[in-house]
Amino acid sequence: MVRRLLNWFVADDTGQYTINNLVAIAIITLVCASSFDVLSPNMEAATHLVDMEVKDHAASTSSGNLINQLFWVAMIGLAGYTILRDPQRAKRIVVAQWPLVVICLLAFASVTWALAPNIAFRRSVMLVFVIGSVFAGVSYLRRPEQLLLILYRICTLALAFNLMALALGNFDKDGFFYGIHGNKNVLGAIALLAILFGIASRKLFTTQINRLYNGAYLMLWLLVLVISVSKTSIALLFVVPALVFGVQVVATNTRLNVGILMLLAFTLMTLAIFIVLSLYNWHIKEFFAQFMSDPGLTGRDYIWAFMLDRIDTRWLLGHGYGSFWGIGQQSPNVVYGRSYLTLLNQGHNGYLDLLAKLGVIGMAIYLLVLVQFARQSGQIQSTHPLLFFLFWILLVITLFHNITESSLMRGSHSMWIIQLLVLTSVARICADRRLQ
């Protein structure tokens, strides 16, 4: 019975699987289920910042979650077990994405200059646990394509829980549906990812999945995405695939790397914005006002101005990993912030948060991570065209997400987990190709 269920779960005969293959399935399933809130669905009303005092909020965000910590201890324990059984395979994949290792080392080194060394150390350990678990899970899967099917299965459970939450009336005080995720924008991001996993599974596993059920799955997640009223996620569902497809067509015709063209496109877009600002003598807020009714992005401009001011004081190495937000009464936003800034635990911009944590050095190493991905993705385009296309879409979505939200190197945030899965999957496929 268990074997038949497992065969269905990964759409393969698992009778010939090694112990490492089976443990890898368990790791990926549990990690993804945790990051997508399936293991702990939120069926209660979302907490509003106005309901909390500064001292209470500071205390709650600086303390660790024991259950979450035990979960990741278990995950790294399973990861360590697989690595000890076959260390050479893990080593090849780690070497293939070495900048991530450097980031972990920098995070640990930052404990020496962190504002809260104990918290920085604890969060650095968690960073290693998360990255290490994902690395091991991806490394020892029987086939890299199984990752998408596992994500598809997890999103099926997330869909069921969200439909239950809809029946229970999980709406916030403004009337927005947030499902099991506590926030409508998080729900929108999960729905966006779930739709992509459903489409990819339909293409990759044409005979192994029920197409009628898959159609219903896609329609229901589209419904959830629409009622989440997450305008960013709805826009990304159409914009990002079109952008990646367009860049891929140009790259094919010019024989240039997709990553180089993507970087060129973003550079030209940024340059065009600065030219417009100069011509019309506009502030960036005035530029946004030409396209949206809320150019301040619901107060994010105030948050970003504060962050830039604090980053300027420690621009090279930052304030220490995990040592800017949520470190109690000594958090910079509590000490120097005003109004709602004192109640925040992120800067609503992943790149500014990374600069605040690890400075320009940390940002430079993260760019190396992306360069490594871009270089390696070109090597899998001919052998895994669908994965190549999907991985680029997922990466760009996570990068866009961090413009207005913060998920880079942030615990087990779903967008960070997805980015890690993409980075390590491409590294794994490249490492496998070198052995052939």
Protein backbone atom coordinates (compact mmCIF):
# COMPACT_ATOMS: atom_id res chain seq x y z
CA MET A 1 0.00 0.00 0.00
CA VAL A 2 2.74 2.44 0.98
CA ARG A 3 4.79 1.48 -2.07
CA ARG A 4 1.83 2.03 -4.41
CA LEU A 5 1.14 5.46 -2.86
CA LEU A 6 4.81 6.41 -3.24
CA ASN A 7 4.84 5.21 -6.86
CA TRP A 8 1.84 7.43 -7.55
CA PHE A 9 3.36 10.37 -5.68
CA VAL A 10 6.51 10.49 -7.86
CA ALA A 11 4.98 8.85 -10.96
CA ASP A 12 7.61 6.13 -11.05
CA ASP A 13 8.37 2.60 -9.90
CA THR A 14 10.24 3.17 -6.65
CA GLY A 15 11.12 -0.48 -6.21
CA GLN A 16 14.64 0.12 -7.49
CA TYR A 17 15.18 3.37 -5.59
CA THR A 18 18.10 3.69 -3.20
CA ILE A 19 17.65 4.79 0.40
CA ASN A 20 19.06 8.19 -0.59
CA ASN A 21 16.44 8.53 -3.35
CA LEU A 22 13.65 7.85 -0.86
CA VAL A 23 15.06 10.16 1.82
CA ALA A 24 15.45 12.92 -0.80
CA ILE A 25 11.75 12.62 -1.66
CA ALA A 26 10.92 12.97 2.04
CA ILE A 27 13.18 16.03 2.45
CA ILE A 28 11.81 17.88 -0.58
CA THR A 29 8.21 17.03 0.32
CA LEU A 30 8.53 18.21 3.93
CA VAL A 31 10.52 21.35 3.09
CA CYS A 32 8.06 22.42 0.40
CA ALA A 33 5.03 21.54 2.53
CA SER A 34 6.45 23.66 5.35
CA SER A 35 7.25 26.68 3.16
CA PHE A 36 3.81 26.52 1.51
CA ASP A 37 2.08 26.46 4.92
CA VAL A 38 0.63 22.97 4.36
CA LEU A 39 2.15 21.59 7.58
CA SER A 40 0.74 24.44 9.66
CA PRO A 41 -2.21 26.03 7.82
CA ASN A 42 -3.40 29.30 9.33
CA MET A 43 -7.14 29.04 9.91
CA GLU A 44 -7.36 32.03 12.24
CA ALA A 45 -7.68 35.75 11.65
CA ALA A 46 -4.50 37.51 10.52
CA THR A 47 -2.69 39.62 13.12
CA HIS A 48 -2.78 43.35 12.45
CA LEU A 49 0.10 45.58 13.42
CA VAL A 50 -2.21 48.03 15.13
CA ASP A 51 -3.09 45.33 17.66
CA MET A 52 0.48 45.10 18.97
CA GLU A 53 2.63 47.30 21.16
CA VAL A 54 6.21 48.02 20.05
CA LYS A 55 7.80 46.19 23.00
CA ASP A 56 5.56 43.13 22.49
CA HIS A 57 6.25 43.02 18.76
CA ALA A 58 10.00 43.46 19.29
CA ALA A 59 10.04 40.59 21.76
CA SER A 60 7.96 38.28 19.55
CA THR A 61 10.09 38.80 16.42
CA SER A 62 13.43 38.35 18.18
CA SER A 63 12.59 35.00 19.78
CA GLY A 64 12.92 31.72 17.91
CA ASN A 65 10.18 29.22 17.11
CA LEU A 66 11.11 25.96 18.84
CA ILE A 67 8.94 23.73 16.62
CA ASN A 68 10.36 25.34 13.49
CA GLN A 69 13.91 24.91 14.81
CA LEU A 70 13.31 21.23 15.61
CA PHE A 71 11.84 20.73 12.14
CA TRP A 72 14.98 22.08 10.46
CA VAL A 73 17.24 20.09 12.80
CA ALA A 74 15.40 17.00 11.56
CA MET A 75 15.77 18.10 7.93
CA ILE A 76 19.51 18.73 8.19
CA GLY A 77 19.83 15.42 10.02
CA LEU A 78 18.23 13.60 7.07
CA ALA A 79 20.37 15.66 4.68
CA GLY A 80 23.52 14.75 6.60
CA TYR A 81 22.55 11.07 6.48
CA THR A 82 22.25 11.11 2.67
CA ILE A 83 25.51 13.02 2.28
CA LEU A 84 27.41 10.56 4.46
CA ARG A 85 26.13 7.69 2.31
CA ASP A 86 27.27 9.35 -0.96
CA PRO A 87 29.48 12.39 -0.25
CA GLN A 88 30.94 12.68 -3.76
CA ARG A 89 27.59 13.46 -5.36
CA ALA A 90 26.82 16.22 -2.89
CA LYS A 91 30.30 17.62 -3.31
CA ARG A 92 29.91 17.92 -7.10
CA ILE A 93 26.68 19.88 -6.78
CA VAL A 94 27.98 22.14 -4.01
CA VAL A 95 31.02 22.97 -6.15
CA ALA A 96 28.70 23.71 -9.08
CA GLN A 97 26.94 26.42 -7.01
CA TRP A 98 29.88 27.49 -4.80
CA PRO A 99 28.77 31.14 -4.34
CA LEU A 100 25.95 29.92 -2.07
CA VAL A 101 28.60 28.35 0.17
CA VAL A 102 30.46 31.66 0.27
CA ILE A 103 27.26 33.46 1.30
CA CYS A 104 26.84 31.02 4.20
CA LEU A 105 30.42 31.63 5.29
CA LEU A 106 29.90 35.40 5.12
CA ALA A 107 26.73 35.08 7.21
CA PHE A 108 28.67 33.24 9.92
CA ALA A 109 31.54 35.73 9.73
CA SER A 110 29.06 38.59 10.16
CA VAL A 111 28.36 37.36 13.70
CA THR A 112 31.60 39.16 14.68
CA TRP A 113 30.21 42.58 13.71
CA ALA A 114 26.46 41.95 14.10
CA LEU A 115 24.29 44.20 16.26
CA ALA A 116 22.90 41.07 17.95
CA PRO A 117 25.60 38.35 17.69
CA ASN A 118 23.55 35.59 19.36
CA ILE A 119 20.56 36.12 17.09
CA ALA A 120 22.82 36.48 14.05
CA PHE A 121 24.49 33.16 14.88
CA ARG A 122 21.17 31.38 15.37
CA ARG A 123 19.81 32.70 12.08
CA SER A 124 23.05 31.88 10.26
CA VAL A 125 22.74 28.28 11.47
CA MET A 126 19.16 28.24 10.20
CA LEU A 127 20.34 29.59 6.83
CA VAL A 128 22.81 26.71 6.53
CA PHE A 129 20.14 24.20 7.59
CA VAL A 130 17.74 25.46 4.92
CA ILE A 131 20.32 25.59 2.12
CA GLY A 132 21.87 22.27 3.16
CA SER A 133 18.48 20.51 3.24
CA VAL A 134 17.52 21.80 -0.20
CA PHE A 135 20.94 20.87 -1.62
CA ALA A 136 20.67 17.30 -0.30
CA GLY A 137 17.05 16.87 -1.38
CA VAL A 138 17.71 17.99 -4.95
CA SER A 139 21.02 16.12 -5.16
CA TYR A 140 19.61 12.68 -4.37
CA LEU A 141 16.27 12.76 -6.19
CA ARG A 142 16.16 9.96 -8.76
CA ARG A 143 15.34 12.43 -11.54
CA PRO A 144 15.34 16.26 -11.37
CA GLU A 145 11.90 16.42 -13.01
CA GLN A 146 10.39 14.77 -9.93
CA LEU A 147 10.83 18.04 -8.07
CA LEU A 148 8.01 19.62 -10.09
CA LEU A 149 5.68 16.70 -9.50
CA ILE A 150 6.31 16.87 -5.74
CA LEU A 151 5.57 20.61 -5.79
CA TYR A 152 2.41 19.87 -7.77
CA ARG A 153 1.26 17.37 -5.13
CA ILE A 154 2.02 19.81 -2.31
CA CYS A 155 0.07 22.57 -4.06
CA THR A 156 -2.88 20.18 -4.37
CA LEU A 157 -2.96 19.95 -0.57
CA ALA A 158 -2.52 23.72 -0.29
CA LEU A 159 -5.48 24.17 -2.66
CA ALA A 160 -7.68 21.92 -0.54
CA PHE A 161 -6.76 23.83 2.63
CA ASN A 162 -7.36 27.19 0.94
CA LEU A 163 -10.80 26.10 -0.26
CA MET A 164 -11.58 25.05 3.32
CA ALA A 165 -10.37 28.46 4.51
CA LEU A 166 -12.65 30.11 1.93
CA ALA A 167 -15.60 28.19 3.33
CA LEU A 168 -14.59 29.23 6.86
CA GLY A 169 -14.39 32.88 5.80
CA ASN A 170 -10.70 33.68 6.20
CA PHE A 171 -10.96 37.32 5.19
CA ASP A 172 -9.05 40.18 6.76
CA LYS A 173 -10.58 43.37 8.15
CA ASP A 174 -10.50 44.99 4.68
CA GLY A 175 -12.41 42.09 3.15
CA PHE A 176 -9.45 40.41 1.40
CA PHE A 177 -9.18 36.63 1.35
CA TYR A 178 -5.83 35.38 2.69
CA GLY A 179 -6.49 31.62 2.81
CA ILE A 180 -4.14 29.63 5.04
CA HIS A 181 -1.25 32.04 4.51
CA GLY A 182 -2.18 35.01 6.70
CA ASN A 183 -1.81 37.61 3.95
CA LYS A 184 -3.47 38.09 0.57
CA ASN A 185 -0.18 38.86 -1.19
CA VAL A 186 1.41 35.65 0.13
CA LEU A 187 -1.68 33.76 -1.05
CA GLY A 188 -1.34 35.41 -4.48
CA ALA A 189 2.32 34.40 -4.74
CA ILE A 190 1.54 30.79 -3.76
CA ALA A 191 -1.32 30.67 -6.29
CA LEU A 192 0.98 32.00 -9.01
CA LEU A 193 3.60 29.33 -8.30
CA ALA A 194 0.95 26.59 -8.04
CA ILE A 195 -0.43 27.45 -11.48
CA LEU A 196 3.05 27.25 -13.02
CA PHE A 197 3.71 23.88 -11.35
CA GLY A 198 0.36 22.60 -12.65
CA ILE A 199 1.13 23.65 -16.23
CA ALA A 200 4.66 22.22 -16.08
CA SER A 201 3.42 18.90 -14.68
CA ARG A 202 0.82 18.71 -17.45
CA LYS A 203 3.61 19.05 -20.03
CA LEU A 204 6.22 16.83 -18.36
CA PHE A 205 4.00 14.04 -17.03
CA THR A 206 1.48 13.70 -19.84
CA THR A 207 0.55 10.08 -19.07
CA GLN A 208 1.25 9.96 -15.33
CA ILE A 209 -1.25 12.57 -14.14
CA ASN A 210 -5.03 12.85 -14.57
CA ARG A 211 -5.56 15.63 -17.11
CA LEU A 212 -9.18 16.18 -16.05
CA TYR A 213 -8.13 16.68 -12.44
CA ASN A 214 -5.23 18.86 -13.60
CA GLY A 215 -7.67 21.10 -15.49
CA ALA A 216 -9.82 21.49 -12.38
CA TYR A 217 -6.68 22.17 -10.31
CA LEU A 218 -5.63 24.98 -12.67
CA MET A 219 -9.10 26.53 -12.78
CA LEU A 220 -9.45 26.53 -8.99
CA TRP A 221 -6.00 28.03 -8.44
CA LEU A 222 -6.83 30.72 -11.02
CA LEU A 223 -9.98 31.44 -9.01
CA VAL A 224 -7.94 31.67 -5.79
CA LEU A 225 -5.46 33.99 -7.52
CA VAL A 226 -8.25 36.28 -8.69
CA ILE A 227 -10.04 36.47 -5.32
CA SER A 228 -6.72 37.12 -3.57
CA VAL A 229 -6.76 40.47 -5.43
CA SER A 230 -2.95 40.31 -5.55
CA LYS A 231 -2.39 42.57 -8.54
CA THR A 232 1.36 41.90 -8.57
CA SER A 233 0.95 38.11 -8.78
CA ILE A 234 -1.78 38.37 -11.43
CA ALA A 235 0.46 40.62 -13.54
CA LEU A 236 3.51 38.38 -13.08
CA LEU A 237 1.55 35.35 -14.32
CA PHE A 238 1.39 36.95 -17.77
CA VAL A 239 4.36 39.32 -17.86
CA VAL A 240 7.18 37.00 -16.73
CA PRO A 241 6.52 34.07 -19.14
CA ALA A 242 6.18 36.58 -22.00
CA LEU A 243 9.42 38.30 -20.96
CA VAL A 244 11.37 35.05 -20.65
CA PHE A 245 9.99 33.75 -23.95
CA GLY A 246 10.90 37.00 -25.73
CA VAL A 247 14.42 37.02 -24.31
CA GLN A 248 14.83 33.33 -25.18
CA VAL A 249 13.84 34.00 -28.82
CA VAL A 250 16.34 36.87 -29.08
CA ALA A 251 19.02 34.76 -27.39
CA THR A 252 18.47 31.91 -29.85
CA ASN A 253 18.76 34.25 -32.84
CA THR A 254 21.79 36.12 -31.50
CA ARG A 255 23.47 33.09 -29.85
CA LEU A 256 23.85 35.05 -26.63
CA ASN A 257 23.30 33.73 -23.11
CA VAL A 258 19.77 34.32 -21.80
CA GLY A 259 21.21 35.64 -18.54
CA ILE A 260 23.30 38.25 -20.34
CA LEU A 261 20.28 39.39 -22.36
CA MET A 262 18.11 39.49 -19.24
CA LEU A 263 20.71 41.63 -17.47
CA LEU A 264 20.94 43.87 -20.54
CA ALA A 265 17.15 44.26 -20.64
CA PHE A 266 16.95 45.26 -16.96
CA THR A 267 19.90 47.64 -17.40
CA LEU A 268 18.28 49.35 -20.38
CA MET A 269 14.95 49.56 -18.56
CA THR A 270 16.62 51.13 -15.51
CA LEU A 271 18.57 53.53 -17.73
CA ALA A 272 15.38 54.55 -19.53
CA ILE A 273 13.69 55.33 -16.19
CA PHE A 274 16.62 57.51 -15.10
CA ILE A 275 16.56 59.34 -18.45
CA VAL A 276 12.84 60.08 -18.03
CA LEU A 277 13.44 61.28 -14.47
CA SER A 278 16.17 63.64 -15.69
CA LEU A 279 14.17 64.98 -18.63
CA TYR A 280 11.09 65.81 -16.57
CA ASN A 281 12.98 66.59 -13.34
CA TRP A 282 10.80 64.07 -11.53
CA HIS A 283 11.24 62.31 -8.21
CA ILE A 284 10.81 58.54 -8.58
CA LYS A 285 7.47 58.89 -6.80
CA GLU A 286 6.27 61.28 -9.50
CA PHE A 287 7.33 58.74 -12.14
CA PHE A 288 5.28 55.99 -10.47
CA ALA A 289 2.33 58.39 -10.26
CA GLN A 290 2.07 58.26 -14.07
CA PHE A 291 1.15 54.55 -13.91
CA MET A 292 -0.49 53.91 -10.53
CA SER A 293 -2.84 55.56 -8.08
CA ASP A 294 -0.55 54.84 -5.12
CA PRO A 295 2.99 55.93 -6.11
CA GLY A 296 4.17 55.42 -2.53
CA LEU A 297 3.42 51.69 -2.88
CA THR A 298 1.38 51.64 0.35
CA GLY A 299 4.10 53.37 2.37
CA ARG A 300 7.05 51.41 0.99
CA ASP A 301 8.77 54.62 -0.15
CA TYR A 302 8.97 55.71 3.50
CA ILE A 303 10.39 52.30 4.52
CA TRP A 304 12.96 52.33 1.71
CA ALA A 305 14.09 55.87 2.53
CA PHE A 306 14.68 54.78 6.12
CA MET A 307 16.58 51.68 5.00
CA LEU A 308 18.84 53.60 2.62
CA ASP A 309 19.68 55.97 5.45
CA ARG A 310 20.66 53.07 7.75
CA ILE A 311 22.51 51.14 5.01
CA ASP A 312 24.65 54.21 4.43
CA THR A 313 26.05 53.85 7.95
CA ARG A 314 27.23 50.26 7.31
CA TRP A 315 27.35 49.96 3.56
CA LEU A 316 30.32 47.59 3.16
CA LEU A 317 29.49 44.62 5.43
CA GLY A 318 26.05 45.49 6.74
CA HIS A 319 24.62 45.07 10.22
CA GLY A 320 25.15 41.31 10.32
CA TYR A 321 23.04 38.48 8.92
CA GLY A 322 19.60 38.49 10.54
CA SER A 323 20.70 41.39 12.70
CA PHE A 324 18.69 44.30 11.33
CA TRP A 325 15.02 43.42 11.74
CA GLY A 326 13.52 41.51 14.65
CA ILE A 327 16.35 41.67 17.19
CA GLY A 328 14.33 43.22 20.00
CA GLN A 329 14.61 46.74 21.36
CA GLN A 330 17.99 47.27 19.64
CA SER A 331 16.56 46.77 16.15
CA PRO A 332 17.42 49.82 14.00
CA ASN A 333 13.76 50.26 13.07
CA VAL A 334 12.86 50.42 16.78
CA VAL A 335 15.77 52.70 17.74
CA TYR A 336 15.63 55.09 14.77
CA GLY A 337 12.23 54.45 13.20
CA ARG A 338 8.96 56.27 13.67
CA SER A 339 5.31 55.32 13.30
CA TYR A 340 4.66 51.88 11.76
CA LEU A 341 8.37 51.38 11.02
CA THR A 342 8.84 50.20 14.59
CA LEU A 343 6.42 47.30 14.03
CA LEU A 344 7.96 45.91 10.82
CA ASN A 345 10.12 42.80 10.49
CA GLN A 346 11.18 43.28 6.85
CA GLY A 347 11.96 46.16 4.49
CA HIS A 348 9.57 45.13 1.70
CA ASN A 349 12.54 44.97 -0.66
CA GLY A 350 14.78 41.91 -0.64
CA TYR A 351 17.76 43.72 -2.12
CA LEU A 352 17.72 46.52 0.44
CA ASP A 353 17.33 43.92 3.19
CA LEU A 354 20.34 42.02 1.82
CA LEU A 355 22.39 45.25 1.78
CA ALA A 356 21.28 45.97 5.34
CA LYS A 357 22.33 42.48 6.49
CA LEU A 358 25.54 41.80 4.54
CA GLY A 359 26.33 45.06 2.76
CA VAL A 360 27.82 45.52 -0.68
CA ILE A 361 30.01 42.44 -0.19
CA GLY A 362 26.96 40.25 0.39
CA MET A 363 25.18 41.74 -2.62
CA ALA A 364 28.22 41.08 -4.83
CA ILE A 365 28.33 37.41 -3.75
CA TYR A 366 24.59 37.05 -4.39
CA LEU A 367 25.12 38.42 -7.91
CA LEU A 368 27.73 35.68 -8.37
CA VAL A 369 25.03 33.14 -7.46
CA LEU A 370 22.85 34.52 -10.27
CA VAL A 371 25.77 34.61 -12.73
CA GLN A 372 26.50 30.97 -11.93
CA PHE A 373 22.88 30.09 -12.60
CA ALA A 374 22.84 32.03 -15.89
CA ARG A 375 26.01 30.34 -17.06
CA GLN A 376 24.83 26.86 -16.12
CA SER A 377 21.30 27.26 -17.48
CA GLY A 378 22.72 27.69 -20.97
CA GLN A 379 24.18 24.19 -20.67
CA ILE A 380 20.78 22.55 -20.09
CA GLN A 381 18.76 24.42 -22.71
CA SER A 382 19.13 21.78 -25.43
CA THR A 383 18.71 18.70 -23.20
CA HIS A 384 15.98 20.02 -20.86
CA PRO A 385 14.18 22.81 -22.81
CA LEU A 386 11.01 22.81 -20.69
CA LEU A 387 12.93 22.85 -17.40
CA PHE A 388 15.18 25.59 -18.80
CA PHE A 389 12.14 27.74 -19.63
CA LEU A 390 10.36 27.03 -16.33
CA PHE A 391 13.43 27.59 -14.16
CA TRP A 392 14.02 30.99 -15.74
CA ILE A 393 10.37 31.93 -15.19
CA LEU A 394 10.55 30.90 -11.53
CA LEU A 395 13.84 32.72 -10.96
CA VAL A 396 12.58 35.96 -12.56
CA ILE A 397 9.37 35.76 -10.50
CA THR A 398 11.38 35.45 -7.28
CA LEU A 399 13.57 38.39 -8.37
CA PHE A 400 10.54 40.56 -9.18
CA HIS A 401 8.90 39.54 -5.91
CA ASN A 402 11.83 40.99 -3.99
CA ILE A 403 11.25 44.45 -5.44
CA THR A 404 8.22 45.03 -3.19
CA GLU A 405 8.58 42.16 -0.69
CA SER A 406 11.53 40.53 1.04
CA SER A 407 12.35 36.83 0.73
CA LEU A 408 16.05 36.64 -0.19
CA MET A 409 17.92 34.54 2.39
CA ARG A 410 14.88 34.82 4.66
CA GLY A 411 14.25 31.62 6.61
CA SER A 412 11.93 29.18 4.88
CA HIS A 413 9.97 31.78 2.91
CA SER A 414 8.31 30.05 -0.04
CA MET A 415 9.93 32.36 -2.62
CA TRP A 416 13.40 31.78 -1.14
CA ILE A 417 12.83 28.01 -1.10
CA ILE A 418 11.71 28.08 -4.75
CA GLN A 419 14.76 30.11 -5.73
CA LEU A 420 17.04 27.66 -3.91
CA LEU A 421 15.33 24.72 -5.63
CA VAL A 422 15.85 26.35 -9.02
CA LEU A 423 19.51 27.20 -8.37
CA THR A 424 20.38 23.75 -7.03
CA SER A 425 18.39 21.90 -9.71
CA VAL A 426 20.32 23.57 -12.52
CA ALA A 427 23.59 22.89 -10.67
CA ARG A 428 22.57 19.23 -10.26
CA ILE A 429 21.71 18.78 -13.96
CA CYS A 430 25.03 20.36 -14.98
CA ALA A 431 26.93 18.16 -12.54
CA ASP A 432 25.17 15.08 -13.95
CA ARG A 433 26.04 16.07 -17.52
CA ARG A 434 29.75 16.21 -16.69
CA LEU A 435 29.64 12.55 -15.61
CA GLN A 436 28.11 11.39 -18.88
